[in-house]
Amino acid sequence: VAAQSRIAVMKLEDKTGHHEYGYDIG
């Protein structure tokens, strides 16, 4: 486990222009 890389995933930027679906795509 220690030898594995440690990462974090940031919220993706939503470039689709779709904000009417009722959820945060990014």
mmCIF file of all heavy atoms, coordinates in Angstrom:
data_MODEL
# 
_entry.id   MODEL 
# 
loop_
_atom_site.group_PDB 
_atom_site.id 
_atom_site.type_symbol 
_atom_site.label_atom_id 
_atom_site.label_alt_id 
_atom_site.label_comp_id 
_atom_site.label_asym_id 
_atom_site.label_entity_id 
_atom_site.label_seq_id 
_atom_site.pdbx_PDB_ins_code 
_atom_site.Cartn_x 
_atom_site.Cartn_y 
_atom_site.Cartn_z 
_atom_site.occupancy 
_atom_site.B_iso_or_equiv 
_atom_site.pdbx_formal_charge 
_atom_site.auth_seq_id 
_atom_site.auth_comp_id 
_atom_site.auth_asym_id 
_atom_site.auth_atom_id 
_atom_site.pdbx_PDB_model_num 
ATOM 1   N N   . VAL A 1 1  ? 0.827   -1.204 0.000   1.00 0.00 ? 1  VAL A N   1 
ATOM 2   C CA  . VAL A 1 1  ? 0.000   0.000  0.000   1.00 0.00 ? 1  VAL A CA  1 
ATOM 3   C C   . VAL A 1 1  ? 0.860   1.251  0.000   1.00 0.00 ? 1  VAL A C   1 
ATOM 4   O O   . VAL A 1 1  ? 0.603   2.220  -0.701  1.00 0.00 ? 1  VAL A O   1 
ATOM 5   C CB  . VAL A 1 1  ? -0.948  -0.021 1.226   1.00 0.00 ? 1  VAL A CB  1 
ATOM 6   C CG1 . VAL A 1 1  ? -1.650  1.307  1.374   1.00 0.00 ? 1  VAL A CG1 1 
ATOM 7   C CG2 . VAL A 1 1  ? -1.966  -1.144 1.078   1.00 0.00 ? 1  VAL A CG2 1 
ATOM 8   N N   . ALA A 1 2  ? 1.943   1.214  0.803   1.00 0.00 ? 2  ALA A N   1 
ATOM 9   C CA  . ALA A 1 2  ? 2.796   2.394  0.907   1.00 0.00 ? 2  ALA A CA  1 
ATOM 10  C C   . ALA A 1 2  ? 3.459   2.725  -0.399  1.00 0.00 ? 2  ALA A C   1 
ATOM 11  O O   . ALA A 1 2  ? 3.753   3.875  -0.698  1.00 0.00 ? 2  ALA A O   1 
ATOM 12  C CB  . ALA A 1 2  ? 3.847   2.165  1.983   1.00 0.00 ? 2  ALA A CB  1 
ATOM 13  N N   . ALA A 1 3  ? 3.738   1.666  -1.218  1.00 0.00 ? 3  ALA A N   1 
ATOM 14  C CA  . ALA A 1 3  ? 4.437   1.896  -2.474  1.00 0.00 ? 3  ALA A CA  1 
ATOM 15  C C   . ALA A 1 3  ? 3.532   2.499  -3.533  1.00 0.00 ? 3  ALA A C   1 
ATOM 16  O O   . ALA A 1 3  ? 4.003   2.942  -4.578  1.00 0.00 ? 3  ALA A O   1 
ATOM 17  C CB  . ALA A 1 3  ? 5.025   0.587  -2.988  1.00 0.00 ? 3  ALA A CB  1 
ATOM 18  N N   . GLN A 1 4  ? 2.225   2.492  -3.281  1.00 0.00 ? 4  GLN A N   1 
ATOM 19  C CA  . GLN A 1 4  ? 1.302   3.024  -4.263  1.00 0.00 ? 4  GLN A CA  1 
ATOM 20  C C   . GLN A 1 4  ? 1.258   4.547  -4.192  1.00 0.00 ? 4  GLN A C   1 
ATOM 21  O O   . GLN A 1 4  ? 1.418   5.140  -3.135  1.00 0.00 ? 4  GLN A O   1 
ATOM 22  C CB  . GLN A 1 4  ? -0.096  2.457  -4.025  1.00 0.00 ? 4  GLN A CB  1 
ATOM 23  C CG  . GLN A 1 4  ? -0.206  0.964  -4.309  1.00 0.00 ? 4  GLN A CG  1 
ATOM 24  C CD  . GLN A 1 4  ? -1.602  0.456  -4.018  1.00 0.00 ? 4  GLN A CD  1 
ATOM 25  O OE1 . GLN A 1 4  ? -2.348  1.047  -3.241  1.00 0.00 ? 4  GLN A OE1 1 
ATOM 26  N NE2 . GLN A 1 4  ? -1.964  -0.638 -4.634  1.00 0.00 ? 4  GLN A NE2 1 
ATOM 27  N N   . SER A 1 5  ? 1.011   5.145  -5.343  1.00 0.00 ? 5  SER A N   1 
ATOM 28  C CA  . SER A 1 5  ? 0.861   6.599  -5.394  1.00 0.00 ? 5  SER A CA  1 
ATOM 29  C C   . SER A 1 5  ? -0.426  7.008  -4.688  1.00 0.00 ? 5  SER A C   1 
ATOM 30  O O   . SER A 1 5  ? -1.423  6.298  -4.729  1.00 0.00 ? 5  SER A O   1 
ATOM 31  C CB  . SER A 1 5  ? 0.819   7.060  -6.851  1.00 0.00 ? 5  SER A CB  1 
ATOM 32  O OG  . SER A 1 5  ? 1.995   6.693  -7.523  1.00 0.00 ? 5  SER A OG  1 
ATOM 33  N N   . ARG A 1 6  ? -0.399  8.166  -4.056  1.00 0.00 ? 6  ARG A N   1 
ATOM 34  C CA  . ARG A 1 6  ? -1.588  8.706  -3.379  1.00 0.00 ? 6  ARG A CA  1 
ATOM 35  C C   . ARG A 1 6  ? -2.098  9.873  -4.202  1.00 0.00 ? 6  ARG A C   1 
ATOM 36  O O   . ARG A 1 6  ? -1.326  10.785 -4.531  1.00 0.00 ? 6  ARG A O   1 
ATOM 37  C CB  . ARG A 1 6  ? -1.231  9.147  -1.964  1.00 0.00 ? 6  ARG A CB  1 
ATOM 38  C CG  . ARG A 1 6  ? -2.425  9.442  -1.064  1.00 0.00 ? 6  ARG A CG  1 
ATOM 39  C CD  . ARG A 1 6  ? -2.003  9.484  0.396   1.00 0.00 ? 6  ARG A CD  1 
ATOM 40  N NE  . ARG A 1 6  ? -3.154  9.679  1.271   1.00 0.00 ? 6  ARG A NE  1 
ATOM 41  C CZ  . ARG A 1 6  ? -3.462  10.835 1.841   1.00 0.00 ? 6  ARG A CZ  1 
ATOM 42  N NH1 . ARG A 1 6  ? -2.699  11.902 1.635   1.00 0.00 ? 6  ARG A NH1 1 
ATOM 43  N NH2 . ARG A 1 6  ? -4.519  10.935 2.616   1.00 0.00 ? 6  ARG A NH2 1 
ATOM 44  N N   . ILE A 1 7  ? -3.369  9.855  -4.557  1.00 0.00 ? 7  ILE A N   1 
ATOM 45  C CA  . ILE A 1 7  ? -3.917  10.866 -5.453  1.00 0.00 ? 7  ILE A CA  1 
ATOM 46  C C   . ILE A 1 7  ? -5.201  11.461 -4.890  1.00 0.00 ? 7  ILE A C   1 
ATOM 47  O O   . ILE A 1 7  ? -5.820  10.904 -3.984  1.00 0.00 ? 7  ILE A O   1 
ATOM 48  C CB  . ILE A 1 7  ? -4.208  10.292 -6.861  1.00 0.00 ? 7  ILE A CB  1 
ATOM 49  C CG1 . ILE A 1 7  ? -5.421  9.340  -6.821  1.00 0.00 ? 7  ILE A CG1 1 
ATOM 50  C CG2 . ILE A 1 7  ? -2.994  9.592  -7.426  1.00 0.00 ? 7  ILE A CG2 1 
ATOM 51  C CD1 . ILE A 1 7  ? -5.917  8.932  -8.195  1.00 0.00 ? 7  ILE A CD1 1 
ATOM 52  N N   . ALA A 1 8  ? -5.577  12.602 -5.438  1.00 0.00 ? 8  ALA A N   1 
ATOM 53  C CA  . ALA A 1 8  ? -6.862  13.230 -5.121  1.00 0.00 ? 8  ALA A CA  1 
ATOM 54  C C   . ALA A 1 8  ? -7.496  13.673 -6.433  1.00 0.00 ? 8  ALA A C   1 
ATOM 55  O O   . ALA A 1 8  ? -6.798  14.118 -7.344  1.00 0.00 ? 8  ALA A O   1 
ATOM 56  C CB  . ALA A 1 8  ? -6.676  14.420 -4.186  1.00 0.00 ? 8  ALA A CB  1 
ATOM 57  N N   . VAL A 1 9  ? -8.801  13.540 -6.523  1.00 0.00 ? 9  VAL A N   1 
ATOM 58  C CA  . VAL A 1 9  ? -9.540  13.892 -7.737  1.00 0.00 ? 9  VAL A CA  1 
ATOM 59  C C   . VAL A 1 9  ? -10.370 15.137 -7.476  1.00 0.00 ? 9  VAL A C   1 
ATOM 60  O O   . VAL A 1 9  ? -11.251 15.139 -6.608  1.00 0.00 ? 9  VAL A O   1 
ATOM 61  C CB  . VAL A 1 9  ? -10.458 12.742 -8.191  1.00 0.00 ? 9  VAL A CB  1 
ATOM 62  C CG1 . VAL A 1 9  ? -11.209 13.136 -9.476  1.00 0.00 ? 9  VAL A CG1 1 
ATOM 63  C CG2 . VAL A 1 9  ? -9.656  11.469 -8.412  1.00 0.00 ? 9  VAL A CG2 1 
ATOM 64  N N   . MET A 1 10 ? -10.100 16.187 -8.230  1.00 0.00 ? 10 MET A N   1 
ATOM 65  C CA  . MET A 1 10 ? -10.860 17.417 -8.074  1.00 0.00 ? 10 MET A CA  1 
ATOM 66  C C   . MET A 1 10 ? -12.139 17.365 -8.909  1.00 0.00 ? 10 MET A C   1 
ATOM 67  O O   . MET A 1 10 ? -12.236 16.601 -9.874  1.00 0.00 ? 10 MET A O   1 
ATOM 68  C CB  . MET A 1 10 ? -10.015 18.616 -8.500  1.00 0.00 ? 10 MET A CB  1 
ATOM 69  C CG  . MET A 1 10 ? -8.750  18.782 -7.686  1.00 0.00 ? 10 MET A CG  1 
ATOM 70  S SD  . MET A 1 10 ? -8.062  20.446 -7.802  1.00 0.00 ? 10 MET A SD  1 
ATOM 71  C CE  . MET A 1 10 ? -9.317  21.392 -6.961  1.00 0.00 ? 10 MET A CE  1 
ATOM 72  N N   . LYS A 1 11 ? -13.101 18.156 -8.508  1.00 0.00 ? 11 LYS A N   1 
ATOM 73  C CA  . LYS A 1 11 ? -14.321 18.282 -9.301  1.00 0.00 ? 11 LYS A CA  1 
ATOM 74  C C   . LYS A 1 11 ? -13.960 18.725 -10.708 1.00 0.00 ? 11 LYS A C   1 
ATOM 75  O O   . LYS A 1 11 ? -13.151 19.634 -10.902 1.00 0.00 ? 11 LYS A O   1 
ATOM 76  C CB  . LYS A 1 11 ? -15.246 19.314 -8.659  1.00 0.00 ? 11 LYS A CB  1 
ATOM 77  C CG  . LYS A 1 11 ? -16.470 19.668 -9.491  1.00 0.00 ? 11 LYS A CG  1 
ATOM 78  C CD  . LYS A 1 11 ? -17.292 20.737 -8.788  1.00 0.00 ? 11 LYS A CD  1 
ATOM 79  C CE  . LYS A 1 11 ? -18.438 21.216 -9.664  1.00 0.00 ? 11 LYS A CE  1 
ATOM 80  N NZ  . LYS A 1 11 ? -19.243 22.258 -8.978  1.00 0.00 ? 11 LYS A NZ  1 
ATOM 81  N N   . LEU A 1 12 ? -14.535 18.076 -11.717 1.00 0.00 ? 12 LEU A N   1 
ATOM 82  C CA  . LEU A 1 12 ? -14.248 18.434 -13.100 1.00 0.00 ? 12 LEU A CA  1 
ATOM 83  C C   . LEU A 1 12 ? -15.047 19.671 -13.499 1.00 0.00 ? 12 LEU A C   1 
ATOM 84  O O   . LEU A 1 12 ? -16.178 19.873 -13.041 1.00 0.00 ? 12 LEU A O   1 
ATOM 85  C CB  . LEU A 1 12 ? -14.569 17.266 -14.041 1.00 0.00 ? 12 LEU A CB  1 
ATOM 86  C CG  . LEU A 1 12 ? -13.448 16.224 -14.217 1.00 0.00 ? 12 LEU A CG  1 
ATOM 87  C CD1 . LEU A 1 12 ? -13.171 15.473 -12.927 1.00 0.00 ? 12 LEU A CD1 1 
ATOM 88  C CD2 . LEU A 1 12 ? -13.786 15.248 -15.333 1.00 0.00 ? 12 LEU A CD2 1 
ATOM 89  N N   . GLU A 1 13 ? -14.450 20.469 -14.347 1.00 0.00 ? 13 GLU A N   1 
ATOM 90  C CA  . GLU A 1 13 ? -15.133 21.653 -14.849 1.00 0.00 ? 13 GLU A CA  1 
ATOM 91  C C   . GLU A 1 13 ? -16.200 21.235 -15.851 1.00 0.00 ? 13 GLU A C   1 
ATOM 92  O O   . GLU A 1 13 ? -15.934 20.450 -16.771 1.00 0.00 ? 13 GLU A O   1 
ATOM 93  C CB  . GLU A 1 13 ? -14.130 22.596 -15.511 1.00 0.00 ? 13 GLU A CB  1 
ATOM 94  C CG  . GLU A 1 13 ? -14.738 23.914 -15.965 1.00 0.00 ? 13 GLU A CG  1 
ATOM 95  C CD  . GLU A 1 13 ? -13.718 24.846 -16.576 1.00 0.00 ? 13 GLU A CD  1 
ATOM 96  O OE1 . GLU A 1 13 ? -12.531 24.459 -16.682 1.00 0.00 ? 13 GLU A OE1 1 
ATOM 97  O OE2 . GLU A 1 13 ? -14.105 25.970 -16.945 1.00 0.00 ? 13 GLU A OE2 1 
ATOM 98  N N   . ASP A 1 14 ? -17.394 21.742 -15.693 1.00 0.00 ? 14 ASP A N   1 
ATOM 99  C CA  . ASP A 1 14 ? -18.501 21.410 -16.595 1.00 0.00 ? 14 ASP A CA  1 
ATOM 100 C C   . ASP A 1 14 ? -18.528 22.397 -17.761 1.00 0.00 ? 14 ASP A C   1 
ATOM 101 O O   . ASP A 1 14 ? -18.895 23.550 -17.603 1.00 0.00 ? 14 ASP A O   1 
ATOM 102 C CB  . ASP A 1 14 ? -19.820 21.454 -15.832 1.00 0.00 ? 14 ASP A CB  1 
ATOM 103 C CG  . ASP A 1 14 ? -21.017 21.071 -16.697 1.00 0.00 ? 14 ASP A CG  1 
ATOM 104 O OD1 . ASP A 1 14 ? -20.820 20.730 -17.877 1.00 0.00 ? 14 ASP A OD1 1 
ATOM 105 O OD2 . ASP A 1 14 ? -22.150 21.115 -16.172 1.00 0.00 ? 14 ASP A OD2 1 
ATOM 106 N N   . LYS A 1 15 ? -18.124 21.916 -18.932 1.00 0.00 ? 15 LYS A N   1 
ATOM 107 C CA  . LYS A 1 15 ? -18.115 22.755 -20.135 1.00 0.00 ? 15 LYS A CA  1 
ATOM 108 C C   . LYS A 1 15 ? -19.249 22.396 -21.088 1.00 0.00 ? 15 LYS A C   1 
ATOM 109 O O   . LYS A 1 15 ? -19.262 22.832 -22.240 1.00 0.00 ? 15 LYS A O   1 
ATOM 110 C CB  . LYS A 1 15 ? -16.769 22.609 -20.855 1.00 0.00 ? 15 LYS A CB  1 
ATOM 111 C CG  . LYS A 1 15 ? -15.578 23.154 -20.072 1.00 0.00 ? 15 LYS A CG  1 
ATOM 112 C CD  . LYS A 1 15 ? -14.300 23.076 -20.886 1.00 0.00 ? 15 LYS A CD  1 
ATOM 113 C CE  . LYS A 1 15 ? -13.124 23.694 -20.154 1.00 0.00 ? 15 LYS A CE  1 
ATOM 114 N NZ  . LYS A 1 15 ? -11.867 23.624 -20.966 1.00 0.00 ? 15 LYS A NZ  1 
ATOM 115 N N   . THR A 1 16 ? -20.203 21.622 -20.616 1.00 0.00 ? 16 THR A N   1 
ATOM 116 C CA  . THR A 1 16 ? -21.272 21.149 -21.498 1.00 0.00 ? 16 THR A CA  1 
ATOM 117 C C   . THR A 1 16 ? -22.387 22.162 -21.673 1.00 0.00 ? 16 THR A C   1 
ATOM 118 O O   . THR A 1 16 ? -23.120 22.120 -22.660 1.00 0.00 ? 16 THR A O   1 
ATOM 119 C CB  . THR A 1 16 ? -21.891 19.854 -20.939 1.00 0.00 ? 16 THR A CB  1 
ATOM 120 O OG1 . THR A 1 16 ? -22.575 20.147 -19.708 1.00 0.00 ? 16 THR A OG1 1 
ATOM 121 C CG2 . THR A 1 16 ? -20.806 18.815 -20.676 1.00 0.00 ? 16 THR A CG2 1 
ATOM 122 N N   . GLY A 1 17 ? -22.549 23.050 -20.689 1.00 0.00 ? 17 GLY A N   1 
ATOM 123 C CA  . GLY A 1 17 ? -23.643 24.010 -20.774 1.00 0.00 ? 17 GLY A CA  1 
ATOM 124 C C   . GLY A 1 17 ? -24.974 23.438 -20.346 1.00 0.00 ? 17 GLY A C   1 
ATOM 125 O O   . GLY A 1 17 ? -26.004 24.123 -20.414 1.00 0.00 ? 17 GLY A O   1 
ATOM 126 N N   . HIS A 1 18 ? -24.980 22.164 -19.898 1.00 0.00 ? 18 HIS A N   1 
ATOM 127 C CA  . HIS A 1 18 ? -26.233 21.544 -19.459 1.00 0.00 ? 18 HIS A CA  1 
ATOM 128 C C   . HIS A 1 18 ? -26.372 21.680 -17.940 1.00 0.00 ? 18 HIS A C   1 
ATOM 129 O O   . HIS A 1 18 ? -25.722 20.968 -17.185 1.00 0.00 ? 18 HIS A O   1 
ATOM 130 C CB  . HIS A 1 18 ? -26.263 20.063 -19.840 1.00 0.00 ? 18 HIS A CB  1 
ATOM 131 C CG  . HIS A 1 18 ? -26.335 19.822 -21.308 1.00 0.00 ? 18 HIS A CG  1 
ATOM 132 N ND1 . HIS A 1 18 ? -27.354 20.301 -22.097 1.00 0.00 ? 18 HIS A ND1 1 
ATOM 133 C CD2 . HIS A 1 18 ? -25.489 19.159 -22.134 1.00 0.00 ? 18 HIS A CD2 1 
ATOM 134 C CE1 . HIS A 1 18 ? -27.144 19.928 -23.361 1.00 0.00 ? 18 HIS A CE1 1 
ATOM 135 N NE2 . HIS A 1 18 ? -26.016 19.246 -23.404 1.00 0.00 ? 18 HIS A NE2 1 
ATOM 136 N N   . HIS A 1 19 ? -27.225 22.594 -17.513 1.00 0.00 ? 19 HIS A N   1 
ATOM 137 C CA  . HIS A 1 19 ? -27.437 22.795 -16.088 1.00 0.00 ? 19 HIS A CA  1 
ATOM 138 C C   . HIS A 1 19 ? -28.901 22.520 -15.709 1.00 0.00 ? 19 HIS A C   1 
ATOM 139 O O   . HIS A 1 19 ? -29.313 22.807 -14.589 1.00 0.00 ? 19 HIS A O   1 
ATOM 140 C CB  . HIS A 1 19 ? -27.076 24.234 -15.697 1.00 0.00 ? 19 HIS A CB  1 
ATOM 141 C CG  . HIS A 1 19 ? -25.689 24.618 -16.111 1.00 0.00 ? 19 HIS A CG  1 
ATOM 142 N ND1 . HIS A 1 19 ? -24.568 24.051 -15.565 1.00 0.00 ? 19 HIS A ND1 1 
ATOM 143 C CD2 . HIS A 1 19 ? -25.246 25.502 -17.039 1.00 0.00 ? 19 HIS A CD2 1 
ATOM 144 C CE1 . HIS A 1 19 ? -23.476 24.569 -16.123 1.00 0.00 ? 19 HIS A CE1 1 
ATOM 145 N NE2 . HIS A 1 19 ? -23.859 25.446 -17.023 1.00 0.00 ? 19 HIS A NE2 1 
ATOM 146 N N   . GLU A 1 20 ? -29.638 21.950 -16.646 1.00 0.00 ? 20 GLU A N   1 
ATOM 147 C CA  . GLU A 1 20 ? -31.062 21.754 -16.421 1.00 0.00 ? 20 GLU A CA  1 
ATOM 148 C C   . GLU A 1 20 ? -31.407 20.340 -15.946 1.00 0.00 ? 20 GLU A C   1 
ATOM 149 O O   . GLU A 1 20 ? -32.580 20.016 -15.734 1.00 0.00 ? 20 GLU A O   1 
ATOM 150 C CB  . GLU A 1 20 ? -31.842 22.035 -17.721 1.00 0.00 ? 20 GLU A CB  1 
ATOM 151 C CG  . GLU A 1 20 ? -31.657 20.988 -18.822 1.00 0.00 ? 20 GLU A CG  1 
ATOM 152 C CD  . GLU A 1 20 ? -30.416 21.217 -19.691 1.00 0.00 ? 20 GLU A CD  1 
ATOM 153 O OE1 . GLU A 1 20 ? -29.537 21.985 -19.267 1.00 0.00 ? 20 GLU A OE1 1 
ATOM 154 O OE2 . GLU A 1 20 ? -30.351 20.623 -20.780 1.00 0.00 ? 20 GLU A OE2 1 
ATOM 155 N N   . TYR A 1 21 ? -30.393 19.501 -15.750 1.00 0.00 ? 21 TYR A N   1 
ATOM 156 C CA  . TYR A 1 21 ? -30.673 18.107 -15.413 1.00 0.00 ? 21 TYR A CA  1 
ATOM 157 C C   . TYR A 1 21 ? -30.913 17.884 -13.925 1.00 0.00 ? 21 TYR A C   1 
ATOM 158 O O   . TYR A 1 21 ? -31.326 16.814 -13.504 1.00 0.00 ? 21 TYR A O   1 
ATOM 159 C CB  . TYR A 1 21 ? -29.535 17.200 -15.877 1.00 0.00 ? 21 TYR A CB  1 
ATOM 160 C CG  . TYR A 1 21 ? -29.323 17.210 -17.383 1.00 0.00 ? 21 TYR A CG  1 
ATOM 161 C CD1 . TYR A 1 21 ? -28.047 17.107 -17.915 1.00 0.00 ? 21 TYR A CD1 1 
ATOM 162 C CD2 . TYR A 1 21 ? -30.405 17.323 -18.250 1.00 0.00 ? 21 TYR A CD2 1 
ATOM 163 C CE1 . TYR A 1 21 ? -27.844 17.112 -19.291 1.00 0.00 ? 21 TYR A CE1 1 
ATOM 164 C CE2 . TYR A 1 21 ? -30.218 17.339 -19.621 1.00 0.00 ? 21 TYR A CE2 1 
ATOM 165 C CZ  . TYR A 1 21 ? -28.928 17.239 -20.136 1.00 0.00 ? 21 TYR A CZ  1 
ATOM 166 O OH  . TYR A 1 21 ? -28.737 17.252 -21.494 1.00 0.00 ? 21 TYR A OH  1 
ATOM 167 N N   . GLY A 1 22 ? -30.597 18.884 -13.102 1.00 0.00 ? 22 GLY A N   1 
ATOM 168 C CA  . GLY A 1 22 ? -30.846 18.738 -11.679 1.00 0.00 ? 22 GLY A CA  1 
ATOM 169 C C   . GLY A 1 22 ? -29.724 18.084 -10.912 1.00 0.00 ? 22 GLY A C   1 
ATOM 170 O O   . GLY A 1 22 ? -29.917 17.698 -9.752  1.00 0.00 ? 22 GLY A O   1 
ATOM 171 N N   . TYR A 1 23 ? -28.564 17.921 -11.530 1.00 0.00 ? 23 TYR A N   1 
ATOM 172 C CA  . TYR A 1 23 ? -27.405 17.416 -10.796 1.00 0.00 ? 23 TYR A CA  1 
ATOM 173 C C   . TYR A 1 23 ? -26.142 18.087 -11.313 1.00 0.00 ? 23 TYR A C   1 
ATOM 174 O O   . TYR A 1 23 ? -26.105 18.624 -12.421 1.00 0.00 ? 23 TYR A O   1 
ATOM 175 C CB  . TYR A 1 23 ? -27.267 15.890 -10.899 1.00 0.00 ? 23 TYR A CB  1 
ATOM 176 C CG  . TYR A 1 23 ? -27.592 15.274 -12.240 1.00 0.00 ? 23 TYR A CG  1 
ATOM 177 C CD1 . TYR A 1 23 ? -26.725 15.380 -13.316 1.00 0.00 ? 23 TYR A CD1 1 
ATOM 178 C CD2 . TYR A 1 23 ? -28.772 14.563 -12.419 1.00 0.00 ? 23 TYR A CD2 1 
ATOM 179 C CE1 . TYR A 1 23 ? -27.019 14.798 -14.539 1.00 0.00 ? 23 TYR A CE1 1 
ATOM 180 C CE2 . TYR A 1 23 ? -29.080 13.987 -13.632 1.00 0.00 ? 23 TYR A CE2 1 
ATOM 181 C CZ  . TYR A 1 23 ? -28.206 14.102 -14.703 1.00 0.00 ? 23 TYR A CZ  1 
ATOM 182 O OH  . TYR A 1 23 ? -28.509 13.537 -15.912 1.00 0.00 ? 23 TYR A OH  1 
ATOM 183 N N   . ASP A 1 24 ? -25.094 18.042 -10.474 1.00 0.00 ? 24 ASP A N   1 
ATOM 184 C CA  . ASP A 1 24 ? -23.819 18.670 -10.806 1.00 0.00 ? 24 ASP A CA  1 
ATOM 185 C C   . ASP A 1 24 ? -22.978 17.663 -11.581 1.00 0.00 ? 24 ASP A C   1 
ATOM 186 O O   . ASP A 1 24 ? -22.442 16.704 -11.015 1.00 0.00 ? 24 ASP A O   1 
ATOM 187 C CB  . ASP A 1 24 ? -23.115 19.090 -9.514  1.00 0.00 ? 24 ASP A CB  1 
ATOM 188 C CG  . ASP A 1 24 ? -21.880 19.956 -9.759  1.00 0.00 ? 24 ASP A CG  1 
ATOM 189 O OD1 . ASP A 1 24 ? -21.176 19.705 -10.747 1.00 0.00 ? 24 ASP A OD1 1 
ATOM 190 O OD2 . ASP A 1 24 ? -21.622 20.869 -8.959  1.00 0.00 ? 24 ASP A OD2 1 
ATOM 191 N N   . ILE A 1 25 ? -22.842 17.883 -12.877 1.00 0.00 ? 25 ILE A N   1 
ATOM 192 C CA  . ILE A 1 25 ? -22.151 16.914 -13.734 1.00 0.00 ? 25 ILE A CA  1 
ATOM 193 C C   . ILE A 1 25 ? -20.685 16.753 -13.342 1.00 0.00 ? 25 ILE A C   1 
ATOM 194 O O   . ILE A 1 25 ? -20.171 15.632 -13.223 1.00 0.00 ? 25 ILE A O   1 
ATOM 195 C CB  . ILE A 1 25 ? -22.276 17.329 -15.214 1.00 0.00 ? 25 ILE A CB  1 
ATOM 196 C CG1 . ILE A 1 25 ? -23.744 17.278 -15.652 1.00 0.00 ? 25 ILE A CG1 1 
ATOM 197 C CG2 . ILE A 1 25 ? -21.419 16.416 -16.103 1.00 0.00 ? 25 ILE A CG2 1 
ATOM 198 C CD1 . ILE A 1 25 ? -23.983 17.812 -17.057 1.00 0.00 ? 25 ILE A CD1 1 
ATOM 199 N N   . GLY A 1 26 ? -20.003 17.878 -13.132 1.00 0.00 ? 26 GLY A N   1 
ATOM 200 C CA  . GLY A 1 26 ? -18.582 17.810 -12.782 1.00 0.00 ? 26 GLY A CA  1 
ATOM 201 C C   . GLY A 1 26 ? -18.342 17.087 -11.473 1.00 0.00 ? 26 GLY A C   1 
ATOM 202 O O   . GLY A 1 26 ? -17.382 16.322 -11.330 1.00 0.00 ? 26 GLY A O   1 
# 
